[in-house]
Amino acid sequence: MLIAFLIMLREGIEAALIVGIVAGFLKQSGHHDLMPKVWLGVAAAVLICFGLGFAIHRITGEIPQKQQEFVVGMIGLLAVGMLTYMLLWMQKAARSMKQQFQDSIQAALNKGGSGWALVLMAFLAVMREGLESVFFLIAVFTQSPDSRMPLGAAGGLLASAAVGILLYQGGIRLNLGKFFRWTGVFLIFVAAGLLSGSFRALHEAGVWNAGQQVIADFSGFLHEDSPLGVLMGGFFGYTDHPTVSDVLWYVVYLFPVLFWFLRGSQAASSSR
């Protein structure tokens, strides 16, 4: 539940920032009448992402077990790739995001078209964050089912919307640099566990068979079906009988991406 909340909070705030930049620019430039069209683009993106997530969840629940494990593994790999790209892109683009979007908005207004270019801009911005959330949540849920996951995701979405409104109105000041840095570090650990879990699913599907030697048995210390074990599995991909493949993929992803992310965050902070 908590991981779904944090994922939707982070992704929701990113989307809220983009929509907030659009709304703020339109208000300052005297084009506030175009905001209903922007909200139309936002609503369309949310509905499409929700429908896609529901469809994928239904489809994966109806196919045979072996094929289901393959789909779970591939969704996990896609989610890790999208998450990694999002983290590294956000790290580089955060400093110039506002100016870039304001330039894009002005260009859209100059072209005319009754504001439909802004609808498309808002739609694509929310759609991108929404698709990242959909694939990541599905991948986490299928590897560590939690009936409260939808509740956590809804809570994170509502919280991000509230933060976005308060930021737009100037009611609160949030250190976005620190927020994205620390949630980014947390999600890198989650993605490392998701990556190793994806290859476990591909092994169950008969696709990945390398490095399946069990290197330890932690079931006597922390069983993976215990409450804490389930929590650790959902957050970090914990298993009480890790294989060479599990550890290898976890380490190969975690250390390079974490080093790259922290180094880039430190450089961004220094430049600011």
C-alpha atoms as a PDB file:
ATOM      1  CA  MET A   1       0.000   0.000   0.000  1.00  0.00           C
ATOM      2  CA  LEU A   2       2.756   2.456   0.957  1.00  0.00           C
ATOM      3  CA  ILE A   3       4.768   1.816  -2.199  1.00  0.00           C
ATOM      4  CA  ALA A   4       1.677   2.497  -4.350  1.00  0.00           C
ATOM      5  CA  PHE A   5       1.071   5.704  -2.391  1.00  0.00           C
ATOM      6  CA  LEU A   6       4.643   6.932  -2.911  1.00  0.00           C
ATOM      7  CA  ILE A   7       4.692   6.031  -6.611  1.00  0.00           C
ATOM      8  CA  MET A   8       1.462   7.918  -7.296  1.00  0.00           C
ATOM      9  CA  LEU A   9       2.536  10.817  -5.081  1.00  0.00           C
ATOM     10  CA  ARG A  10       5.769  11.286  -6.990  1.00  0.00           C
ATOM     11  CA  GLU A  11       4.304  10.757 -10.460  1.00  0.00           C
ATOM     12  CA  GLY A  12       1.261  12.843  -9.580  1.00  0.00           C
ATOM     13  CA  ILE A  13       3.364  15.770  -8.395  1.00  0.00           C
ATOM     14  CA  GLU A  14       5.391  15.666 -11.615  1.00  0.00           C
ATOM     15  CA  ALA A  15       2.186  15.797 -13.663  1.00  0.00           C
ATOM     16  CA  ALA A  16       0.756  18.500 -11.366  1.00  0.00           C
ATOM     17  CA  LEU A  17       3.872  20.609 -11.854  1.00  0.00           C
ATOM     18  CA  ILE A  18       3.527  20.470 -15.630  1.00  0.00           C
ATOM     19  CA  VAL A  19      -0.197  21.295 -15.568  1.00  0.00           C
ATOM     20  CA  GLY A  20       0.523  24.007 -12.990  1.00  0.00           C
ATOM     21  CA  ILE A  21       3.090  25.615 -15.273  1.00  0.00           C
ATOM     22  CA  VAL A  22       0.549  25.620 -18.109  1.00  0.00           C
ATOM     23  CA  ALA A  23      -2.183  27.047 -15.846  1.00  0.00           C
ATOM     24  CA  GLY A  24       0.092  29.712 -14.368  1.00  0.00           C
ATOM     25  CA  PHE A  25       1.308  30.865 -17.758  1.00  0.00           C
ATOM     26  CA  LEU A  26      -2.218  31.067 -19.167  1.00  0.00           C
ATOM     27  CA  LYS A  27      -3.368  33.071 -16.160  1.00  0.00           C
ATOM     28  CA  GLN A  28      -0.459  35.515 -16.404  1.00  0.00           C
ATOM     29  CA  SER A  29      -0.841  35.945 -20.167  1.00  0.00           C
ATOM     30  CA  GLY A  30      -4.585  36.601 -20.034  1.00  0.00           C
ATOM     31  CA  HIS A  31      -5.663  33.297 -21.600  1.00  0.00           C
ATOM     32  CA  HIS A  32      -7.334  31.783 -18.545  1.00  0.00           C
ATOM     33  CA  ASP A  33     -10.402  31.004 -20.690  1.00  0.00           C
ATOM     34  CA  LEU A  34      -8.419  28.163 -22.288  1.00  0.00           C
ATOM     35  CA  MET A  35      -8.085  26.239 -19.001  1.00  0.00           C
ATOM     36  CA  PRO A  36     -11.282  24.155 -19.508  1.00  0.00           C
ATOM     37  CA  LYS A  37      -9.689  22.718 -22.651  1.00  0.00           C
ATOM     38  CA  VAL A  38      -6.493  21.948 -20.737  1.00  0.00           C
ATOM     39  CA  TRP A  39      -8.549  20.094 -18.108  1.00  0.00           C
ATOM     40  CA  LEU A  40     -10.184  18.169 -20.933  1.00  0.00           C
ATOM     41  CA  GLY A  41      -6.757  16.898 -22.003  1.00  0.00           C
ATOM     42  CA  VAL A  42      -5.883  15.981 -18.412  1.00  0.00           C
ATOM     43  CA  ALA A  43      -9.162  14.088 -17.908  1.00  0.00           C
ATOM     44  CA  ALA A  44      -8.773  12.184 -21.196  1.00  0.00           C
ATOM     45  CA  ALA A  45      -5.246  11.058 -20.250  1.00  0.00           C
ATOM     46  CA  VAL A  46      -6.356   9.910 -16.779  1.00  0.00           C
ATOM     47  CA  LEU A  47      -9.273   7.894 -18.197  1.00  0.00           C
ATOM     48  CA  ILE A  48      -7.099   6.222 -20.848  1.00  0.00           C
ATOM     49  CA  CYS A  49      -4.416   5.272 -18.310  1.00  0.00           C
ATOM     50  CA  PHE A  50      -7.031   3.889 -15.922  1.00  0.00           C
ATOM     51  CA  GLY A  51      -8.680   1.881 -18.702  1.00  0.00           C
ATOM     52  CA  LEU A  52      -5.343   0.527 -19.919  1.00  0.00           C
ATOM     53  CA  GLY A  53      -4.319  -0.538 -16.413  1.00  0.00           C
ATOM     54  CA  PHE A  54      -7.651  -2.274 -15.834  1.00  0.00           C
ATOM     55  CA  ALA A  55      -7.463  -4.058 -19.196  1.00  0.00           C
ATOM     56  CA  ILE A  56      -3.921  -5.312 -18.614  1.00  0.00           C
ATOM     57  CA  HIS A  57      -4.850  -6.544 -15.133  1.00  0.00           C
ATOM     58  CA  ARG A  58      -7.858  -8.450 -16.491  1.00  0.00           C
ATOM     59  CA  ILE A  59      -5.957  -9.955 -19.414  1.00  0.00           C
ATOM     60  CA  THR A  60      -3.011 -11.187 -17.320  1.00  0.00           C
ATOM     61  CA  GLY A  61      -5.434 -12.805 -14.888  1.00  0.00           C
ATOM     62  CA  GLU A  62      -7.045 -14.915 -17.612  1.00  0.00           C
ATOM     63  CA  ILE A  63      -4.058 -16.384 -19.493  1.00  0.00           C
ATOM     64  CA  PRO A  64      -2.376 -19.691 -18.437  1.00  0.00           C
ATOM     65  CA  GLN A  65       0.142 -19.572 -15.584  1.00  0.00           C
ATOM     66  CA  LYS A  66       3.306 -20.020 -17.655  1.00  0.00           C
ATOM     67  CA  GLN A  67       2.336 -17.350 -20.151  1.00  0.00           C
ATOM     68  CA  GLN A  68       1.196 -15.168 -17.249  1.00  0.00           C
ATOM     69  CA  GLU A  69       4.686 -15.338 -15.706  1.00  0.00           C
ATOM     70  CA  PHE A  70       6.158 -14.270 -19.048  1.00  0.00           C
ATOM     71  CA  VAL A  71       3.819 -11.269 -19.240  1.00  0.00           C
ATOM     72  CA  VAL A  72       4.624 -10.357 -15.623  1.00  0.00           C
ATOM     73  CA  GLY A  73       8.343 -10.525 -16.348  1.00  0.00           C
ATOM     74  CA  MET A  74       8.093  -8.397 -19.480  1.00  0.00           C
ATOM     75  CA  ILE A  75       5.893  -5.792 -17.771  1.00  0.00           C
ATOM     76  CA  GLY A  76       8.449  -5.663 -14.963  1.00  0.00           C
ATOM     77  CA  LEU A  77      11.313  -5.045 -17.384  1.00  0.00           C
ATOM     78  CA  LEU A  78       9.304  -2.352 -19.166  1.00  0.00           C
ATOM     79  CA  ALA A  79       8.467  -0.706 -15.844  1.00  0.00           C
ATOM     80  CA  VAL A  80      12.120  -0.693 -14.757  1.00  0.00           C
ATOM     81  CA  GLY A  81      13.166   0.839 -18.066  1.00  0.00           C
ATOM     82  CA  MET A  82      10.501   3.545 -17.932  1.00  0.00           C
ATOM     83  CA  LEU A  83      11.242   4.325 -14.288  1.00  0.00           C
ATOM     84  CA  THR A  84      14.983   4.612 -14.897  1.00  0.00           C
ATOM     85  CA  TYR A  85      14.455   6.911 -17.857  1.00  0.00           C
ATOM     86  CA  MET A  86      12.018   9.043 -15.843  1.00  0.00           C
ATOM     87  CA  LEU A  87      14.433   9.397 -12.902  1.00  0.00           C
ATOM     88  CA  LEU A  88      17.411  10.376 -15.020  1.00  0.00           C
ATOM     89  CA  TRP A  89      15.357  12.665 -17.289  1.00  0.00           C
ATOM     90  CA  MET A  90      13.775  14.440 -14.324  1.00  0.00           C
ATOM     91  CA  GLN A  91      17.190  14.917 -12.771  1.00  0.00           C
ATOM     92  CA  LYS A  92      18.485  16.708 -15.871  1.00  0.00           C
ATOM     93  CA  ALA A  93      15.355  18.578 -16.915  1.00  0.00           C
ATOM     94  CA  ALA A  94      14.146  19.891 -13.547  1.00  0.00           C
ATOM     95  CA  ARG A  95      16.220  23.071 -13.696  1.00  0.00           C
ATOM     96  CA  SER A  96      14.949  24.219 -17.097  1.00  0.00           C
ATOM     97  CA  MET A  97      11.495  22.566 -17.100  1.00  0.00           C
ATOM     98  CA  LYS A  98       9.534  25.752 -16.379  1.00  0.00           C
ATOM     99  CA  GLN A  99      11.204  27.793 -19.111  1.00  0.00           C
ATOM    100  CA  GLN A 100      10.915  24.968 -21.653  1.00  0.00           C
ATOM    101  CA  PHE A 101       7.181  24.576 -21.030  1.00  0.00           C
ATOM    102  CA  GLN A 102       6.541  28.301 -21.096  1.00  0.00           C
ATOM    103  CA  ASP A 103       8.285  28.522 -24.463  1.00  0.00           C
ATOM    104  CA  SER A 104       6.197  25.612 -25.740  1.00  0.00           C
ATOM    105  CA  ILE A 105       2.973  27.196 -24.459  1.00  0.00           C
ATOM    106  CA  GLN A 106       3.776  30.514 -26.100  1.00  0.00           C
ATOM    107  CA  ALA A 107       4.543  28.749 -29.374  1.00  0.00           C
ATOM    108  CA  ALA A 108       1.206  26.911 -29.176  1.00  0.00           C
ATOM    109  CA  LEU A 109      -0.659  30.168 -28.536  1.00  0.00           C
ATOM    110  CA  ASN A 110       1.111  31.860 -31.436  1.00  0.00           C
ATOM    111  CA  LYS A 111      -0.048  29.118 -33.793  1.00  0.00           C
ATOM    112  CA  GLY A 112      -3.669  29.629 -32.815  1.00  0.00           C
ATOM    113  CA  GLY A 113      -5.939  26.607 -33.144  1.00  0.00           C
ATOM    114  CA  SER A 114      -8.245  27.746 -30.291  1.00  0.00           C
ATOM    115  CA  GLY A 115      -5.964  26.217 -27.679  1.00  0.00           C
ATOM    116  CA  TRP A 116      -6.177  22.612 -28.843  1.00  0.00           C
ATOM    117  CA  ALA A 117      -2.388  22.450 -28.968  1.00  0.00           C
ATOM    118  CA  LEU A 118      -2.434  23.086 -25.209  1.00  0.00           C
ATOM    119  CA  VAL A 119      -4.949  20.266 -24.771  1.00  0.00           C
ATOM    120  CA  LEU A 120      -2.523  17.961 -26.548  1.00  0.00           C
ATOM    121  CA  MET A 121       0.374  19.241 -24.434  1.00  0.00           C
ATOM    122  CA  ALA A 122      -1.459  18.591 -21.155  1.00  0.00           C
ATOM    123  CA  PHE A 123      -2.736  15.249 -22.450  1.00  0.00           C
ATOM    124  CA  LEU A 124       0.746  13.998 -23.379  1.00  0.00           C
ATOM    125  CA  ALA A 125       2.307  15.243 -20.135  1.00  0.00           C
ATOM    126  CA  VAL A 126      -0.237  13.461 -17.938  1.00  0.00           C
ATOM    127  CA  MET A 127      -0.302  10.426 -20.241  1.00  0.00           C
ATOM    128  CA  ARG A 128       3.443   9.930 -19.878  1.00  0.00           C
ATOM    129  CA  GLU A 129       3.352  10.049 -16.080  1.00  0.00           C
ATOM    130  CA  GLY A 130       0.220   7.918 -16.043  1.00  0.00           C
ATOM    131  CA  LEU A 131       1.690   5.165 -18.214  1.00  0.00           C
ATOM    132  CA  GLU A 132       4.809   5.038 -16.042  1.00  0.00           C
ATOM    133  CA  SER A 133       2.590   4.647 -12.988  1.00  0.00           C
ATOM    134  CA  VAL A 134       0.389   1.996 -14.609  1.00  0.00           C
ATOM    135  CA  PHE A 135       3.238  -0.298 -15.643  1.00  0.00           C
ATOM    136  CA  PHE A 136       5.142   0.178 -12.412  1.00  0.00           C
ATOM    137  CA  LEU A 137       2.122  -0.495 -10.190  1.00  0.00           C
ATOM    138  CA  ILE A 138       1.065  -3.541 -12.200  1.00  0.00           C
ATOM    139  CA  ALA A 139       4.585  -4.962 -12.054  1.00  0.00           C
ATOM    140  CA  VAL A 140       4.858  -4.434  -8.290  1.00  0.00           C
ATOM    141  CA  PHE A 141       1.366  -5.789  -7.635  1.00  0.00           C
ATOM    142  CA  THR A 142       1.841  -8.956  -9.680  1.00  0.00           C
ATOM    143  CA  GLN A 143       5.119  -9.760  -7.915  1.00  0.00           C
ATOM    144  CA  SER A 144       3.794  -8.993  -4.428  1.00  0.00           C
ATOM    145  CA  PRO A 145      -0.031  -8.853  -4.387  1.00  0.00           C
ATOM    146  CA  ASP A 146      -1.573  -6.463  -1.864  1.00  0.00           C
ATOM    147  CA  SER A 147      -5.324  -5.906  -1.792  1.00  0.00           C
ATOM    148  CA  ARG A 148      -4.754  -2.396  -0.418  1.00  0.00           C
ATOM    149  CA  MET A 149      -2.621  -1.340  -3.408  1.00  0.00           C
ATOM    150  CA  PRO A 150      -5.497   0.493  -5.191  1.00  0.00           C
ATOM    151  CA  LEU A 151      -6.278   2.357  -1.965  1.00  0.00           C
ATOM    152  CA  GLY A 152      -2.647   3.457  -1.625  1.00  0.00           C
ATOM    153  CA  ALA A 153      -2.510   4.546  -5.282  1.00  0.00           C
ATOM    154  CA  ALA A 154      -5.720   6.572  -4.909  1.00  0.00           C
ATOM    155  CA  GLY A 155      -4.379   8.185  -1.744  1.00  0.00           C
ATOM    156  CA  GLY A 156      -1.124   9.141  -3.457  1.00  0.00           C
ATOM    157  CA  LEU A 157      -3.009  10.600  -6.414  1.00  0.00           C
ATOM    158  CA  LEU A 158      -5.255  12.697  -4.176  1.00  0.00           C
ATOM    159  CA  ALA A 159      -2.291  13.880  -2.098  1.00  0.00           C
ATOM    160  CA  SER A 160      -0.345  14.883  -5.217  1.00  0.00           C
ATOM    161  CA  ALA A 161      -3.366  16.794  -6.524  1.00  0.00           C
ATOM    162  CA  ALA A 162      -3.645  18.636  -3.205  1.00  0.00           C
ATOM    163  CA  VAL A 163       0.077  19.467  -3.241  1.00  0.00           C
ATOM    164  CA  GLY A 164      -0.184  20.670  -6.835  1.00  0.00           C
ATOM    165  CA  ILE A 165      -3.109  22.984  -6.001  1.00  0.00           C
ATOM    166  CA  LEU A 166      -1.332  24.403  -2.952  1.00  0.00           C
ATOM    167  CA  LEU A 167       1.861  24.951  -4.918  1.00  0.00           C
ATOM    168  CA  TYR A 168      -0.101  26.731  -7.647  1.00  0.00           C
ATOM    169  CA  GLN A 169      -1.915  28.924  -5.138  1.00  0.00           C
ATOM    170  CA  GLY A 170       1.358  29.654  -3.318  1.00  0.00           C
ATOM    171  CA  GLY A 171       0.083  28.205  -0.047  1.00  0.00           C
ATOM    172  CA  ILE A 172       3.111  26.001   0.549  1.00  0.00           C
ATOM    173  CA  ARG A 173       6.716  25.938  -0.493  1.00  0.00           C
ATOM    174  CA  LEU A 174       8.064  22.456  -1.169  1.00  0.00           C
ATOM    175  CA  ASN A 175      11.733  21.764  -1.729  1.00  0.00           C
ATOM    176  CA  LEU A 176      11.164  19.811  -4.933  1.00  0.00           C
ATOM    177  CA  GLY A 177      14.868  19.124  -5.378  1.00  0.00           C
ATOM    178  CA  LYS A 178      15.084  17.207  -2.101  1.00  0.00           C
ATOM    179  CA  PHE A 179      11.701  15.568  -2.634  1.00  0.00           C
ATOM    180  CA  PHE A 180      12.631  14.154  -6.038  1.00  0.00           C
ATOM    181  CA  ARG A 181      16.115  13.207  -4.834  1.00  0.00           C
ATOM    182  CA  TRP A 182      15.006  11.105  -1.877  1.00  0.00           C
ATOM    183  CA  THR A 183      11.993   9.528  -3.561  1.00  0.00           C
ATOM    184  CA  GLY A 184      14.299   8.801  -6.506  1.00  0.00           C
ATOM    185  CA  VAL A 185      16.753   6.954  -4.263  1.00  0.00           C
ATOM    186  CA  PHE A 186      13.921   4.923  -2.757  1.00  0.00           C
ATOM    187  CA  LEU A 187      12.493   4.030  -6.171  1.00  0.00           C
ATOM    188  CA  ILE A 188      15.927   2.925  -7.422  1.00  0.00           C
ATOM    189  CA  PHE A 189      16.009   0.300  -4.653  1.00  0.00           C
ATOM    190  CA  VAL A 190      12.459  -0.723  -5.567  1.00  0.00           C
ATOM    191  CA  ALA A 191      13.374  -0.953  -9.262  1.00  0.00           C
ATOM    192  CA  ALA A 192      16.415  -3.134  -8.467  1.00  0.00           C
ATOM    193  CA  GLY A 193      14.163  -5.599  -6.651  1.00  0.00           C
ATOM    194  CA  LEU A 194      11.622  -5.404  -9.450  1.00  0.00           C
ATOM    195  CA  LEU A 195      14.314  -6.218 -12.006  1.00  0.00           C
ATOM    196  CA  SER A 196      15.494  -9.331 -10.161  1.00  0.00           C
ATOM    197  CA  GLY A 197      11.861 -10.343  -9.616  1.00  0.00           C
ATOM    198  CA  SER A 198      11.154  -9.933 -13.330  1.00  0.00           C
ATOM    199  CA  PHE A 199      13.870 -12.431 -14.177  1.00  0.00           C
ATOM    200  CA  ARG A 200      12.442 -14.805 -11.551  1.00  0.00           C
ATOM    201  CA  ALA A 201       9.127 -14.588 -13.388  1.00  0.00           C
ATOM    202  CA  LEU A 202      10.869 -15.200 -16.721  1.00  0.00           C
ATOM    203  CA  HIS A 203      12.511 -18.275 -15.174  1.00  0.00           C
ATOM    204  CA  GLU A 204       9.075 -19.573 -14.161  1.00  0.00           C
ATOM    205  CA  ALA A 205       8.014 -18.997 -17.759  1.00  0.00           C
ATOM    206  CA  GLY A 206      10.958 -21.084 -18.983  1.00  0.00           C
ATOM    207  CA  VAL A 207      12.670 -18.165 -20.724  1.00  0.00           C
ATOM    208  CA  TRP A 208      15.537 -17.349 -18.322  1.00  0.00           C
ATOM    209  CA  ASN A 209      17.427 -20.286 -16.805  1.00  0.00           C
ATOM    210  CA  ALA A 210      20.892 -18.884 -16.069  1.00  0.00           C
ATOM    211  CA  GLY A 211      22.190 -18.480 -12.520  1.00  0.00           C
ATOM    212  CA  GLN A 212      19.429 -20.416 -10.750  1.00  0.00           C
ATOM    213  CA  GLN A 213      21.706 -21.828  -8.056  1.00  0.00           C
ATOM    214  CA  VAL A 214      20.331 -20.949  -4.604  1.00  0.00           C
ATOM    215  CA  ILE A 215      23.063 -19.182  -2.619  1.00  0.00           C
ATOM    216  CA  ALA A 216      21.331 -18.846   0.777  1.00  0.00           C
ATOM    217  CA  ASP A 217      18.242 -19.842   2.744  1.00  0.00           C
ATOM    218  CA  PHE A 218      16.813 -17.098   4.973  1.00  0.00           C
ATOM    219  CA  SER A 219      13.468 -18.807   5.610  1.00  0.00           C
ATOM    220  CA  GLY A 220      14.417 -19.590   9.204  1.00  0.00           C
ATOM    221  CA  PHE A 221      15.320 -15.939   9.814  1.00  0.00           C
ATOM    222  CA  LEU A 222      12.727 -14.088   7.712  1.00  0.00           C
ATOM    223  CA  HIS A 223      10.247 -16.147   5.734  1.00  0.00           C
ATOM    224  CA  GLU A 224       9.049 -14.452   2.564  1.00  0.00           C
ATOM    225  CA  ASP A 225       5.410 -15.222   3.468  1.00  0.00           C
ATOM    226  CA  SER A 226       5.656 -13.530   6.878  1.00  0.00           C
ATOM    227  CA  PRO A 227       4.218  -9.998   7.207  1.00  0.00           C
ATOM    228  CA  LEU A 228       7.677  -8.413   7.190  1.00  0.00           C
ATOM    229  CA  GLY A 229       8.806 -10.724   4.380  1.00  0.00           C
ATOM    230  CA  VAL A 230       5.833  -9.736   2.230  1.00  0.00           C
ATOM    231  CA  LEU A 231       6.565  -6.068   2.964  1.00  0.00           C
ATOM    232  CA  MET A 232      10.234  -6.464   2.039  1.00  0.00           C
ATOM    233  CA  GLY A 233       9.254  -8.387  -1.068  1.00  0.00           C
ATOM    234  CA  GLY A 234       6.920  -5.616  -2.182  1.00  0.00           C
ATOM    235  CA  PHE A 235       9.448  -2.876  -1.527  1.00  0.00           C
ATOM    236  CA  PHE A 236      12.758  -4.463  -2.485  1.00  0.00           C
ATOM    237  CA  GLY A 237      12.025  -7.789  -4.180  1.00  0.00           C
ATOM    238  CA  TYR A 238      13.063  -9.859  -1.135  1.00  0.00           C
ATOM    239  CA  THR A 239      13.023 -13.638  -1.368  1.00  0.00           C
ATOM    240  CA  ASP A 240      14.145 -16.030   1.379  1.00  0.00           C
ATOM    241  CA  HIS A 241      15.996 -18.247  -1.120  1.00  0.00           C
ATOM    242  CA  PRO A 242      17.894 -15.860  -3.428  1.00  0.00           C
ATOM    243  CA  THR A 243      19.667 -17.263  -6.455  1.00  0.00           C
ATOM    244  CA  VAL A 244      22.801 -16.101  -8.240  1.00  0.00           C
ATOM    245  CA  SER A 245      20.553 -14.463 -10.850  1.00  0.00           C
ATOM    246  CA  ASP A 246      18.578 -12.556  -8.187  1.00  0.00           C
ATOM    247  CA  VAL A 247      21.667 -11.074  -6.557  1.00  0.00           C
ATOM    248  CA  LEU A 248      23.454 -10.400  -9.830  1.00  0.00           C
ATOM    249  CA  TRP A 249      20.612  -8.414 -11.424  1.00  0.00           C
ATOM    250  CA  TYR A 250      19.957  -6.520  -8.189  1.00  0.00           C
ATOM    251  CA  VAL A 251      23.584  -5.430  -7.831  1.00  0.00           C
ATOM    252  CA  VAL A 252      24.148  -4.764 -11.544  1.00  0.00           C
ATOM    253  CA  TYR A 253      21.215  -2.349 -11.565  1.00  0.00           C
ATOM    254  CA  LEU A 254      21.420  -0.801  -8.097  1.00  0.00           C
ATOM    255  CA  PHE A 255      24.987   0.450  -7.819  1.00  0.00           C
ATOM    256  CA  PRO A 256      25.496   2.030 -11.284  1.00  0.00           C
ATOM    257  CA  VAL A 257      22.065   3.710 -11.388  1.00  0.00           C
ATOM    258  CA  LEU A 258      22.289   4.897  -7.767  1.00  0.00           C
ATOM    259  CA  PHE A 259      25.776   6.305  -8.331  1.00  0.00           C
ATOM    260  CA  TRP A 260      24.713   8.039 -11.557  1.00  0.00           C
ATOM    261  CA  PHE A 261      21.575   9.459  -9.962  1.00  0.00           C
ATOM    262  CA  LEU A 262      23.288  10.772  -6.814  1.00  0.00           C
ATOM    263  CA  ARG A 263      26.180  12.244  -8.765  1.00  0.00           C
ATOM    264  CA  GLY A 264      23.785  14.040 -11.092  1.00  0.00           C
ATOM    265  CA  SER A 265      21.678  15.279  -8.174  1.00  0.00           C
ATOM    266  CA  GLN A 266      24.768  16.638  -6.428  1.00  0.00           C
ATOM    267  CA  ALA A 267      25.895  18.387  -9.609  1.00  0.00           C
ATOM    268  CA  ALA A 268      22.428  19.923 -10.076  1.00  0.00           C
ATOM    269  CA  SER A 269      22.415  21.171  -6.473  1.00  0.00           C
ATOM    270  CA  SER A 270      25.887  22.705  -6.911  1.00  0.00           C
ATOM    271  CA  SER A 271      24.868  24.512 -10.100  1.00  0.00           C
ATOM    272  CA  ARG A 272      21.747  25.897  -8.422  1.00  0.00           C
END
